[in-house]
């Protein structure tokens, strides 16, 4: 992960990237409350936001960490720190 990624939600304000999901979607969380999670699909004409439960967001993040370990990605420490800050 080279840089932090943020999106602006029309109702909830700033969201930050928690983890890539699947099929071109990413998991984002509200920046300040860190209690609302979204599955976000970026499209050429905007983004779609789907509210997801805490445990689903955590599941996506754990899957991504497992993938990083298997593929021995260099940014696993960054993703682990973000996971810990968000879910622990």
PDB file of N, CA and C in Angstrom:
ATOM      1  N   UNK A   1       0.860  -1.162   0.000  1.00  0.00           N
ATOM      2  CA  UNK A   1       0.000   0.000   0.000  1.00  0.00           C
ATOM      3  C   UNK A   1       0.900   1.217   0.000  1.00  0.00           C
ATOM      4  N   UNK A   2       0.887   1.973  -1.044  1.00  0.00           N
ATOM      5  CA  UNK A   2       1.776   3.112  -1.175  1.00  0.00           C
ATOM      6  C   UNK A   2       1.239   4.361  -0.495  1.00  0.00           C
ATOM      7  N   UNK A   3      -0.064   4.558  -0.544  1.00  0.00           N
ATOM      8  CA  UNK A   3      -0.634   5.772   0.027  1.00  0.00           C
ATOM      9  C   UNK A   3      -2.001   5.464   0.615  1.00  0.00           C
ATOM     10  N   UNK A   4      -2.370   6.243   1.599  1.00  0.00           N
ATOM     11  CA  UNK A   4      -3.698   6.093   2.157  1.00  0.00           C
ATOM     12  C   UNK A   4      -4.714   6.565   1.124  1.00  0.00           C
ATOM     13  N   UNK A   5      -5.873   5.925   1.125  1.00  0.00           N
ATOM     14  CA  UNK A   5      -6.914   6.315   0.175  1.00  0.00           C
ATOM     15  C   UNK A   5      -8.167   6.718   0.932  1.00  0.00           C
ATOM     16  N   UNK A   6      -8.751   7.811   0.478  1.00  0.00           N
ATOM     17  CA  UNK A   6      -9.952   8.341   1.094  1.00  0.00           C
ATOM     18  C   UNK A   6     -11.005   8.586   0.030  1.00  0.00           C
ATOM     19  N   UNK A   7     -12.261   8.515   0.452  1.00  0.00           N
ATOM     20  CA  UNK A   7     -13.400   8.868  -0.399  1.00  0.00           C
ATOM     21  C   UNK A   7     -14.308   9.776   0.408  1.00  0.00           C
ATOM     22  N   UNK A   8     -15.092  10.569  -0.281  1.00  0.00           N
ATOM     23  CA  UNK A   8     -16.070  11.407   0.400  1.00  0.00           C
ATOM     24  C   UNK A   8     -17.454  10.824   0.163  1.00  0.00           C
ATOM     25  N   UNK A   9     -18.101  10.409   1.226  1.00  0.00           N
ATOM     26  CA  UNK A   9     -19.468   9.883   1.153  1.00  0.00           C
ATOM     27  C   UNK A   9     -20.424  11.062   1.294  1.00  0.00           C
ATOM     28  N   UNK A  10     -21.510  11.095   0.519  1.00  0.00           N
ATOM     29  CA  UNK A  10     -22.410  12.251   0.564  1.00  0.00           C
ATOM     30  C   UNK A  10     -23.073  12.478   1.923  1.00  0.00           C
ATOM     31  N   UNK A  11     -23.249  11.453   2.731  1.00  0.00           N
ATOM     32  CA  UNK A  11     -23.902  11.600   4.036  1.00  0.00           C
ATOM     33  C   UNK A  11     -22.925  11.495   5.193  1.00  0.00           C
ATOM     34  N   UNK A  12     -22.015  10.541   5.122  1.00  0.00           N
ATOM     35  CA  UNK A  12     -21.146  10.237   6.251  1.00  0.00           C
ATOM     36  C   UNK A  12     -19.785  10.900   6.196  1.00  0.00           C
ATOM     37  N   UNK A  13     -19.507  11.669   5.172  1.00  0.00           N
ATOM     38  CA  UNK A  13     -18.238  12.386   5.087  1.00  0.00           C
ATOM     39  C   UNK A  13     -17.092  11.507   4.644  1.00  0.00           C
ATOM     40  N   UNK A  14     -15.920  11.783   5.197  1.00  0.00           N
ATOM     41  CA  UNK A  14     -14.708  11.092   4.760  1.00  0.00           C
ATOM     42  C   UNK A  14     -14.710   9.623   5.184  1.00  0.00           C
ATOM     43  N   UNK A  15     -14.324   8.773   4.229  1.00  0.00           N
ATOM     44  CA  UNK A  15     -14.141   7.348   4.473  1.00  0.00           C
ATOM     45  C   UNK A  15     -12.692   7.015   4.158  1.00  0.00           C
ATOM     46  N   UNK A  16     -12.119   6.036   4.869  1.00  0.00           N
ATOM     47  CA  UNK A  16     -10.759   5.613   4.559  1.00  0.00           C
ATOM     48  C   UNK A  16     -10.756   4.143   4.160  1.00  0.00           C
ATOM     49  N   UNK A  17      -9.804   3.788   3.312  1.00  0.00           N
ATOM     50  CA  UNK A  17      -9.676   2.417   2.831  1.00  0.00           C
ATOM     51  C   UNK A  17      -9.222   1.506   3.964  1.00  0.00           C
ATOM     52  N   UNK A  18      -9.998   0.445   4.187  1.00  0.00           N
ATOM     53  CA  UNK A  18      -9.657  -0.553   5.188  1.00  0.00           C
ATOM     54  C   UNK A  18      -8.975  -1.744   4.531  1.00  0.00           C
ATOM     55  N   UNK A  19      -9.529  -2.165   3.375  1.00  0.00           N
ATOM     56  CA  UNK A  19      -9.002  -3.353   2.724  1.00  0.00           C
ATOM     57  C   UNK A  19      -9.599  -3.499   1.336  1.00  0.00           C
ATOM     58  N   UNK A  20      -8.838  -4.034   0.399  1.00  0.00           N
ATOM     59  CA  UNK A  20      -9.451  -4.436  -0.864  1.00  0.00           C
ATOM     60  C   UNK A  20     -10.399  -5.599  -0.583  1.00  0.00           C
ATOM     61  N   UNK A  21     -11.459  -5.701  -1.349  1.00  0.00           N
ATOM     62  CA  UNK A  21     -12.394  -6.821  -1.198  1.00  0.00           C
ATOM     63  C   UNK A  21     -12.217  -7.738  -2.401  1.00  0.00           C
ATOM     64  N   UNK A  22     -13.237  -7.879  -3.194  1.00  0.00           N
ATOM     65  CA  UNK A  22     -13.151  -8.715  -4.382  1.00  0.00           C
ATOM     66  C   UNK A  22     -13.954  -8.074  -5.503  1.00  0.00           C
ATOM     67  N   UNK A  23     -13.697  -8.505  -6.705  1.00  0.00           N
ATOM     68  CA  UNK A  23     -14.430  -8.013  -7.878  1.00  0.00           C
ATOM     69  C   UNK A  23     -14.369  -6.499  -8.032  1.00  0.00           C
ATOM     70  N   UNK A  24     -13.208  -5.921  -7.800  1.00  0.00           N
ATOM     71  CA  UNK A  24     -13.044  -4.481  -7.979  1.00  0.00           C
ATOM     72  C   UNK A  24     -13.685  -3.632  -6.901  1.00  0.00           C
ATOM     73  N   UNK A  25     -14.001  -4.242  -5.772  1.00  0.00           N
ATOM     74  CA  UNK A  25     -14.608  -3.496  -4.665  1.00  0.00           C
ATOM     75  C   UNK A  25     -13.610  -3.377  -3.519  1.00  0.00           C
ATOM     76  N   UNK A  26     -13.816  -2.376  -2.686  1.00  0.00           N
ATOM     77  CA  UNK A  26     -12.954  -2.146  -1.530  1.00  0.00           C
ATOM     78  C   UNK A  26     -13.813  -1.902  -0.306  1.00  0.00           C
ATOM     79  N   UNK A  27     -13.267  -2.183   0.857  1.00  0.00           N
ATOM     80  CA  UNK A  27     -13.942  -1.908   2.120  1.00  0.00           C
ATOM     81  C   UNK A  27     -13.422  -0.581   2.658  1.00  0.00           C
ATOM     82  N   UNK A  28     -14.343   0.317   2.964  1.00  0.00           N
ATOM     83  CA  UNK A  28     -14.020   1.618   3.554  1.00  0.00           C
ATOM     84  C   UNK A  28     -14.771   1.751   4.878  1.00  0.00           C
ATOM     85  N   UNK A  29     -14.250   2.590   5.758  1.00  0.00           N
ATOM     86  CA  UNK A  29     -14.897   2.876   7.042  1.00  0.00           C
ATOM     87  C   UNK A  29     -14.996   4.382   7.213  1.00  0.00           C
ATOM     88  N   UNK A  30     -15.956   4.788   8.033  1.00  0.00           N
ATOM     89  CA  UNK A  30     -16.071   6.212   8.336  1.00  0.00           C
ATOM     90  C   UNK A  30     -14.820   6.648   9.083  1.00  0.00           C
ATOM     91  N   UNK A  31     -14.324   7.802   8.759  1.00  0.00           N
ATOM     92  CA  UNK A  31     -13.044   8.270   9.291  1.00  0.00           C
ATOM     93  C   UNK A  31     -13.107   8.564  10.783  1.00  0.00           C
ATOM     94  N   UNK A  32     -14.160   9.204  11.227  1.00  0.00           N
ATOM     95  CA  UNK A  32     -14.193   9.659  12.609  1.00  0.00           C
ATOM     96  C   UNK A  32     -14.821   8.646  13.548  1.00  0.00           C
ATOM     97  N   UNK A  33     -15.965   8.097  13.201  1.00  0.00           N
ATOM     98  CA  UNK A  33     -16.634   7.154  14.092  1.00  0.00           C
ATOM     99  C   UNK A  33     -16.026   5.763  13.992  1.00  0.00           C
ATOM    100  N   UNK A  34     -15.530   5.376  12.833  1.00  0.00           N
ATOM    101  CA  UNK A  34     -14.952   4.064  12.571  1.00  0.00           C
ATOM    102  C   UNK A  34     -15.900   2.944  12.988  1.00  0.00           C
ATOM    103  N   UNK A  35     -17.187   3.169  12.813  1.00  0.00           N
ATOM    104  CA  UNK A  35     -18.179   2.170  13.182  1.00  0.00           C
ATOM    105  C   UNK A  35     -19.050   1.753  12.008  1.00  0.00           C
ATOM    106  N   UNK A  36     -19.014   2.484  10.917  1.00  0.00           N
ATOM    107  CA  UNK A  36     -19.835   2.159   9.763  1.00  0.00           C
ATOM    108  C   UNK A  36     -18.900   1.763   8.630  1.00  0.00           C
ATOM    109  N   UNK A  37     -19.175   0.600   8.055  1.00  0.00           N
ATOM    110  CA  UNK A  37     -18.328   0.065   6.997  1.00  0.00           C
ATOM    111  C   UNK A  37     -19.115  -0.013   5.695  1.00  0.00           C
ATOM    112  N   UNK A  38     -18.405   0.223   4.597  1.00  0.00           N
ATOM    113  CA  UNK A  38     -19.021   0.233   3.275  1.00  0.00           C
ATOM    114  C   UNK A  38     -18.227  -0.647   2.327  1.00  0.00           C
ATOM    115  N   UNK A  39     -18.941  -1.354   1.479  1.00  0.00           N
ATOM    116  CA  UNK A  39     -18.336  -2.034   0.348  1.00  0.00           C
ATOM    117  C   UNK A  39     -18.525  -1.078  -0.820  1.00  0.00           C
ATOM    118  N   UNK A  40     -17.419  -0.571  -1.350  1.00  0.00           N
ATOM    119  CA  UNK A  40     -17.459   0.491  -2.355  1.00  0.00           C
ATOM    120  C   UNK A  40     -17.005  -0.043  -3.707  1.00  0.00           C
ATOM    121  N   UNK A  41     -17.811   0.257  -4.717  1.00  0.00           N
ATOM    122  CA  UNK A  41     -17.444  -0.065  -6.093  1.00  0.00           C
ATOM    123  C   UNK A  41     -17.248   1.251  -6.826  1.00  0.00           C
ATOM    124  N   UNK A  42     -16.020   1.490  -7.286  1.00  0.00           N
ATOM    125  CA  UNK A  42     -15.744   2.708  -8.041  1.00  0.00           C
ATOM    126  C   UNK A  42     -16.101   2.468  -9.497  1.00  0.00           C
ATOM    127  N   UNK A  43     -16.831   3.424 -10.070  1.00  0.00           N
ATOM    128  CA  UNK A  43     -17.269   3.335 -11.456  1.00  0.00           C
ATOM    129  C   UNK A  43     -16.871   4.622 -12.164  1.00  0.00           C
ATOM    130  N   UNK A  44     -16.836   4.594 -13.495  1.00  0.00           N
ATOM    131  CA  UNK A  44     -16.439   5.809 -14.225  1.00  0.00           C
ATOM    132  C   UNK A  44     -17.306   7.027 -13.893  1.00  0.00           C
ATOM    133  N   UNK A  45     -18.564   6.812 -13.576  1.00  0.00           N
ATOM    134  CA  UNK A  45     -19.468   7.928 -13.304  1.00  0.00           C
ATOM    135  C   UNK A  45     -19.800   8.074 -11.822  1.00  0.00           C
ATOM    136  N   UNK A  46     -18.935   7.610 -10.959  1.00  0.00           N
ATOM    137  CA  UNK A  46     -19.180   7.753  -9.523  1.00  0.00           C
ATOM    138  C   UNK A  46     -18.847   6.488  -8.771  1.00  0.00           C
ATOM    139  N   UNK A  47     -19.444   6.339  -7.613  1.00  0.00           N
ATOM    140  CA  UNK A  47     -19.191   5.184  -6.763  1.00  0.00           C
ATOM    141  C   UNK A  47     -20.506   4.703  -6.174  1.00  0.00           C
ATOM    142  N   UNK A  48     -20.570   3.392  -5.909  1.00  0.00           N
ATOM    143  CA  UNK A  48     -21.720   2.849  -5.196  1.00  0.00           C
ATOM    144  C   UNK A  48     -21.257   2.435  -3.811  1.00  0.00           C
ATOM    145  N   UNK A  49     -22.072   2.729  -2.819  1.00  0.00           N
ATOM    146  CA  UNK A  49     -21.764   2.452  -1.425  1.00  0.00           C
ATOM    147  C   UNK A  49     -22.796   1.476  -0.884  1.00  0.00           C
ATOM    148  N   UNK A  50     -22.317   0.356  -0.366  1.00  0.00           N
ATOM    149  CA  UNK A  50     -23.197  -0.634   0.254  1.00  0.00           C
ATOM    150  C   UNK A  50     -22.753  -0.791   1.703  1.00  0.00           C
ATOM    151  N   UNK A  51     -23.640  -0.496   2.640  1.00  0.00           N
ATOM    152  CA  UNK A  51     -23.310  -0.641   4.054  1.00  0.00           C
ATOM    153  C   UNK A  51     -23.187  -2.130   4.358  1.00  0.00           C
ATOM    154  N   UNK A  52     -22.103  -2.494   5.066  1.00  0.00           N
ATOM    155  CA  UNK A  52     -21.906  -3.893   5.440  1.00  0.00           C
ATOM    156  C   UNK A  52     -21.660  -3.981   6.947  1.00  0.00           C
ATOM    157  N   UNK A  53     -21.970  -5.117   7.546  1.00  0.00           N
ATOM    158  CA  UNK A  53     -21.732  -5.291   8.983  1.00  0.00           C
ATOM    159  C   UNK A  53     -20.247  -5.324   9.324  1.00  0.00           C
ATOM    160  N   UNK A  54     -19.956  -5.023  10.562  1.00  0.00           N
ATOM    161  CA  UNK A  54     -18.596  -5.033  11.090  1.00  0.00           C
ATOM    162  C   UNK A  54     -17.888  -6.350  10.784  1.00  0.00           C
ATOM    163  N   UNK A  55     -18.549  -7.472  11.053  1.00  0.00           N
ATOM    164  CA  UNK A  55     -17.915  -8.779  10.876  1.00  0.00           C
ATOM    165  C   UNK A  55     -17.611  -9.072   9.409  1.00  0.00           C
ATOM    166  N   UNK A  56     -18.437  -8.593   8.490  1.00  0.00           N
ATOM    167  CA  UNK A  56     -18.138  -8.764   7.063  1.00  0.00           C
ATOM    168  C   UNK A  56     -16.903  -7.955   6.679  1.00  0.00           C
ATOM    169  N   UNK A  57     -16.816  -6.736   7.179  1.00  0.00           N
ATOM    170  CA  UNK A  57     -15.654  -5.895   6.894  1.00  0.00           C
ATOM    171  C   UNK A  57     -14.388  -6.551   7.445  1.00  0.00           C
ATOM    172  N   UNK A  58     -14.482  -7.069   8.648  1.00  0.00           N
ATOM    173  CA  UNK A  58     -13.334  -7.747   9.248  1.00  0.00           C
ATOM    174  C   UNK A  58     -12.949  -8.984   8.435  1.00  0.00           C
ATOM    175  N   UNK A  59     -13.943  -9.715   7.961  1.00  0.00           N
ATOM    176  CA  UNK A  59     -13.684 -10.908   7.141  1.00  0.00           C
ATOM    177  C   UNK A  59     -12.909 -10.537   5.874  1.00  0.00           C
ATOM    178  N   UNK A  60     -13.347  -9.492   5.165  1.00  0.00           N
ATOM    179  CA  UNK A  60     -12.632  -9.051   3.963  1.00  0.00           C
ATOM    180  C   UNK A  60     -11.189  -8.673   4.294  1.00  0.00           C
ATOM    181  N   UNK A  61     -11.005  -7.969   5.411  1.00  0.00           N
ATOM    182  CA  UNK A  61      -9.655  -7.544   5.801  1.00  0.00           C
ATOM    183  C   UNK A  61      -8.783  -8.754   6.146  1.00  0.00           C
ATOM    184  N   UNK A  62      -9.344  -9.738   6.851  1.00  0.00           N
ATOM    185  CA  UNK A  62      -8.582 -10.945   7.177  1.00  0.00           C
ATOM    186  C   UNK A  62      -8.213 -11.719   5.918  1.00  0.00           C
ATOM    187  N   UNK A  63      -9.133 -11.785   4.961  1.00  0.00           N
ATOM    188  CA  UNK A  63      -8.840 -12.462   3.696  1.00  0.00           C
ATOM    189  C   UNK A  63      -7.693 -11.773   2.977  1.00  0.00           C
ATOM    190  N   UNK A  64      -7.682 -10.440   3.001  1.00  0.00           N
ATOM    191  CA  UNK A  64      -6.613  -9.699   2.339  1.00  0.00           C
ATOM    192  C   UNK A  64      -5.274  -9.946   3.028  1.00  0.00           C
ATOM    193  N   UNK A  65      -5.264  -9.971   4.357  1.00  0.00           N
ATOM    194  CA  UNK A  65      -4.018 -10.256   5.082  1.00  0.00           C
ATOM    195  C   UNK A  65      -3.501 -11.653   4.752  1.00  0.00           C
ATOM    196  N   UNK A  66      -4.397 -12.619   4.658  1.00  0.00           N
ATOM    197  CA  UNK A  66      -3.989 -13.981   4.289  1.00  0.00           C
ATOM    198  C   UNK A  66      -3.370 -14.011   2.900  1.00  0.00           C
ATOM    199  N   UNK A  67      -3.968 -13.260   1.994  1.00  0.00           N
ATOM    200  CA  UNK A  67      -3.441 -13.188   0.628  1.00  0.00           C
ATOM    201  C   UNK A  67      -2.048 -12.559   0.638  1.00  0.00           C
ATOM    202  N   UNK A  68      -1.863 -11.519   1.426  1.00  0.00           N
ATOM    203  CA  UNK A  68      -0.552 -10.866   1.522  1.00  0.00           C
ATOM    204  C   UNK A  68       0.495 -11.849   2.040  1.00  0.00           C
ATOM    205  N   UNK A  69       0.131 -12.643   3.051  1.00  0.00           N
ATOM    206  CA  UNK A  69       1.067 -13.623   3.594  1.00  0.00           C
ATOM    207  C   UNK A  69       1.440 -14.675   2.562  1.00  0.00           C
ATOM    208  N   UNK A  70       0.428 -15.192   1.857  1.00  0.00           N
ATOM    209  CA  UNK A  70       0.684 -16.238   0.855  1.00  0.00           C
ATOM    210  C   UNK A  70       1.576 -15.727  -0.260  1.00  0.00           C
ATOM    211  N   UNK A  71       1.328 -14.503  -0.701  1.00  0.00           N
ATOM    212  CA  UNK A  71       2.079 -13.942  -1.814  1.00  0.00           C
ATOM    213  C   UNK A  71       3.333 -13.199  -1.357  1.00  0.00           C
ATOM    214  N   UNK A  72       3.550 -13.179  -0.046  1.00  0.00           N
ATOM    215  CA  UNK A  72       4.731 -12.540   0.541  1.00  0.00           C
ATOM    216  C   UNK A  72       4.897 -11.094   0.062  1.00  0.00           C
ATOM    217  N   UNK A  73       3.802 -10.348   0.142  1.00  0.00           N
ATOM    218  CA  UNK A  73       3.833  -8.950  -0.281  1.00  0.00           C
ATOM    219  C   UNK A  73       4.583  -8.103   0.737  1.00  0.00           C
ATOM    220  N   UNK A  74       5.289  -7.118   0.250  1.00  0.00           N
ATOM    221  CA  UNK A  74       6.123  -6.286   1.115  1.00  0.00           C
ATOM    222  C   UNK A  74       5.320  -5.346   2.011  1.00  0.00           C
ATOM    223  N   UNK A  75       4.085  -5.063   1.654  1.00  0.00           N
ATOM    224  CA  UNK A  75       3.305  -4.109   2.431  1.00  0.00           C
ATOM    225  C   UNK A  75       2.416  -4.764   3.485  1.00  0.00           C
ATOM    226  N   UNK A  76       2.708  -6.008   3.836  1.00  0.00           N
ATOM    227  CA  UNK A  76       1.875  -6.703   4.821  1.00  0.00           C
ATOM    228  C   UNK A  76       1.901  -5.999   6.174  1.00  0.00           C
ATOM    229  N   UNK A  77       3.022  -5.428   6.562  1.00  0.00           N
ATOM    230  CA  UNK A  77       3.109  -4.726   7.854  1.00  0.00           C
ATOM    231  C   UNK A  77       2.156  -3.538   7.888  1.00  0.00           C
ATOM    232  N   UNK A  78       2.045  -2.837   6.781  1.00  0.00           N
ATOM    233  CA  UNK A  78       1.139  -1.689   6.702  1.00  0.00           C
ATOM    234  C   UNK A  78      -0.307  -2.150   6.827  1.00  0.00           C
ATOM    235  N   UNK A  79      -0.656  -3.225   6.089  1.00  0.00           N
ATOM    236  CA  UNK A  79      -2.031  -3.739   6.155  1.00  0.00           C
ATOM    237  C   UNK A  79      -2.328  -4.287   7.539  1.00  0.00           C
ATOM    238  N   UNK A  80      -1.360  -4.948   8.189  1.00  0.00           N
ATOM    239  CA  UNK A  80      -1.555  -5.480   9.542  1.00  0.00           C
ATOM    240  C   UNK A  80      -1.810  -4.349  10.534  1.00  0.00           C
ATOM    241  N   UNK A  81      -1.042  -3.277  10.420  1.00  0.00           N
ATOM    242  CA  UNK A  81      -1.225  -2.127  11.313  1.00  0.00           C
ATOM    243  C   UNK A  81      -2.611  -1.510  11.117  1.00  0.00           C
ATOM    244  N   UNK A  82      -3.020  -1.353   9.882  1.00  0.00           N
ATOM    245  CA  UNK A  82      -4.346  -0.799   9.591  1.00  0.00           C
ATOM    246  C   UNK A  82      -5.440  -1.708  10.131  1.00  0.00           C
ATOM    247  N   UNK A  83      -5.261  -3.032   9.979  1.00  0.00           N
ATOM    248  CA  UNK A  83      -6.228  -3.989  10.509  1.00  0.00           C
ATOM    249  C   UNK A  83      -6.343  -3.829  12.018  1.00  0.00           C
ATOM    250  N   UNK A  84      -5.207  -3.781  12.710  1.00  0.00           N
ATOM    251  CA  UNK A  84      -5.200  -3.646  14.169  1.00  0.00           C
ATOM    252  C   UNK A  84      -5.850  -2.345  14.618  1.00  0.00           C
ATOM    253  N   UNK A  85      -5.572  -1.257  13.928  1.00  0.00           N
ATOM    254  CA  UNK A  85      -6.171   0.032  14.298  1.00  0.00           C
ATOM    255  C   UNK A  85      -7.677   0.033  14.092  1.00  0.00           C
ATOM    256  N   UNK A  86      -8.142  -0.696  13.100  1.00  0.00           N
ATOM    257  CA  UNK A  86      -9.559  -0.686  12.770  1.00  0.00           C
ATOM    258  C   UNK A  86     -10.360  -1.682  13.582  1.00  0.00           C
ATOM    259  N   UNK A  87      -9.839  -2.877  13.777  1.00  0.00           N
ATOM    260  CA  UNK A  87     -10.644  -3.953  14.343  1.00  0.00           C
ATOM    261  C   UNK A  87     -10.256  -4.401  15.736  1.00  0.00           C
ATOM    262  N   UNK A  88      -9.100  -3.989  16.239  1.00  0.00           N
ATOM    263  CA  UNK A  88      -8.692  -4.472  17.565  1.00  0.00           C
ATOM    264  C   UNK A  88      -8.639  -3.312  18.544  1.00  0.00           C
TER     265      UNK A  88
END
